[in-house]
Amino acid sequence: MAGGAENYDVIIIGAGAAGLFCAAEAGKRGRRVLIIDHAEKIGEKIRISGGGRCN
């Protein structure tokens, strides 16, 4: 966003399973979506879950 402000219809905090599902559904409906997450890669917890630890 170095060039200026962007406009989004939906801003989702968290790129876990629920956040990604919501983003996909909003995108299917033609909404401009921004996902914000603390992890370096989206879906980090989904990819590493196991060993009895998900959240």
C-alpha atoms as a PDB file:
ATOM      1  CA  MET A   1       0.000   0.000   0.000  1.00  0.00           C
ATOM      2  CA  ALA A   2       2.895   2.351  -0.547  1.00  0.00           C
ATOM      3  CA  GLY A   3       0.957   4.182  -3.258  1.00  0.00           C
ATOM      4  CA  GLY A   4      -1.969   5.139  -1.039  1.00  0.00           C
ATOM      5  CA  ALA A   5      -5.040   3.823   0.697  1.00  0.00           C
ATOM      6  CA  GLU A   6      -6.905   0.825  -0.677  1.00  0.00           C
ATOM      7  CA  ASN A   7     -10.631   0.243  -0.405  1.00  0.00           C
ATOM      8  CA  TYR A   8     -11.982  -3.102   0.743  1.00  0.00           C
ATOM      9  CA  ASP A   9     -15.497  -4.368   1.245  1.00  0.00           C
ATOM     10  CA  VAL A  10     -14.427  -6.877   3.897  1.00  0.00           C
ATOM     11  CA  ILE A  11     -11.462  -6.948   6.271  1.00  0.00           C
ATOM     12  CA  ILE A  12     -10.856 -10.267   8.011  1.00  0.00           C
ATOM     13  CA  ILE A  13      -8.605 -10.582  11.042  1.00  0.00           C
ATOM     14  CA  GLY A  14      -7.077 -14.051  11.167  1.00  0.00           C
ATOM     15  CA  ALA A  15      -6.090 -16.418   8.368  1.00  0.00           C
ATOM     16  CA  GLY A  16      -7.142 -19.621  10.082  1.00  0.00           C
ATOM     17  CA  ALA A  17      -9.813 -21.976   8.808  1.00  0.00           C
ATOM     18  CA  ALA A  18     -12.741 -19.674   9.597  1.00  0.00           C
ATOM     19  CA  GLY A  19     -11.051 -16.547   8.261  1.00  0.00           C
ATOM     20  CA  LEU A  20     -10.042 -18.206   4.998  1.00  0.00           C
ATOM     21  CA  PHE A  21     -13.532 -19.669   4.554  1.00  0.00           C
ATOM     22  CA  CYS A  22     -15.127 -16.255   5.092  1.00  0.00           C
ATOM     23  CA  ALA A  23     -12.677 -14.650   2.667  1.00  0.00           C
ATOM     24  CA  ALA A  24     -13.460 -17.254   0.011  1.00  0.00           C
ATOM     25  CA  GLU A  25     -17.211 -16.789   0.421  1.00  0.00           C
ATOM     26  CA  ALA A  26     -16.917 -12.999   0.270  1.00  0.00           C
ATOM     27  CA  GLY A  27     -14.708 -13.277  -2.818  1.00  0.00           C
ATOM     28  CA  LYS A  28     -17.273 -15.507  -4.526  1.00  0.00           C
ATOM     29  CA  ARG A  29     -19.790 -12.712  -3.995  1.00  0.00           C
ATOM     30  CA  GLY A  30     -17.537 -10.178  -5.690  1.00  0.00           C
ATOM     31  CA  ARG A  31     -16.281  -8.458  -2.545  1.00  0.00           C
ATOM     32  CA  ARG A  32     -12.786  -7.002  -2.261  1.00  0.00           C
ATOM     33  CA  VAL A  33     -11.201  -8.794   0.693  1.00  0.00           C
ATOM     34  CA  LEU A  34      -8.210  -8.007   2.899  1.00  0.00           C
ATOM     35  CA  ILE A  35      -6.946 -10.692   5.292  1.00  0.00           C
ATOM     36  CA  ILE A  36      -4.699  -9.652   8.186  1.00  0.00           C
ATOM     37  CA  ASP A  37      -2.829 -12.281  10.188  1.00  0.00           C
ATOM     38  CA  HIS A  38       0.167 -12.360  12.511  1.00  0.00           C
ATOM     39  CA  ALA A  39       1.730 -15.440  10.916  1.00  0.00           C
ATOM     40  CA  GLU A  40       4.246 -15.221   8.100  1.00  0.00           C
ATOM     41  CA  LYS A  41       2.168 -17.598   5.927  1.00  0.00           C
ATOM     42  CA  ILE A  42      -1.606 -17.873   5.797  1.00  0.00           C
ATOM     43  CA  GLY A  43      -3.179 -20.960   7.305  1.00  0.00           C
ATOM     44  CA  GLU A  44      -0.148 -21.578   9.518  1.00  0.00           C
ATOM     45  CA  LYS A  45      -2.121 -23.305  12.303  1.00  0.00           C
ATOM     46  CA  ILE A  46      -4.027 -25.452   9.813  1.00  0.00           C
ATOM     47  CA  ARG A  47      -0.819 -26.718   8.239  1.00  0.00           C
ATOM     48  CA  ILE A  48       0.939 -27.506  11.531  1.00  0.00           C
ATOM     49  CA  SER A  49      -1.992 -28.748  13.616  1.00  0.00           C
ATOM     50  CA  GLY A  50      -1.577 -32.180  15.044  1.00  0.00           C
ATOM     51  CA  GLY A  51      -0.035 -33.772  18.054  1.00  0.00           C
ATOM     52  CA  GLY A  52      -3.070 -32.771  20.106  1.00  0.00           C
ATOM     53  CA  ARG A  53      -2.612 -29.042  19.590  1.00  0.00           C
ATOM     54  CA  CYS A  54      -4.740 -26.999  17.226  1.00  0.00           C
ATOM     55  CA  ASN A  55      -5.447 -23.697  18.999  1.00  0.00           C
END
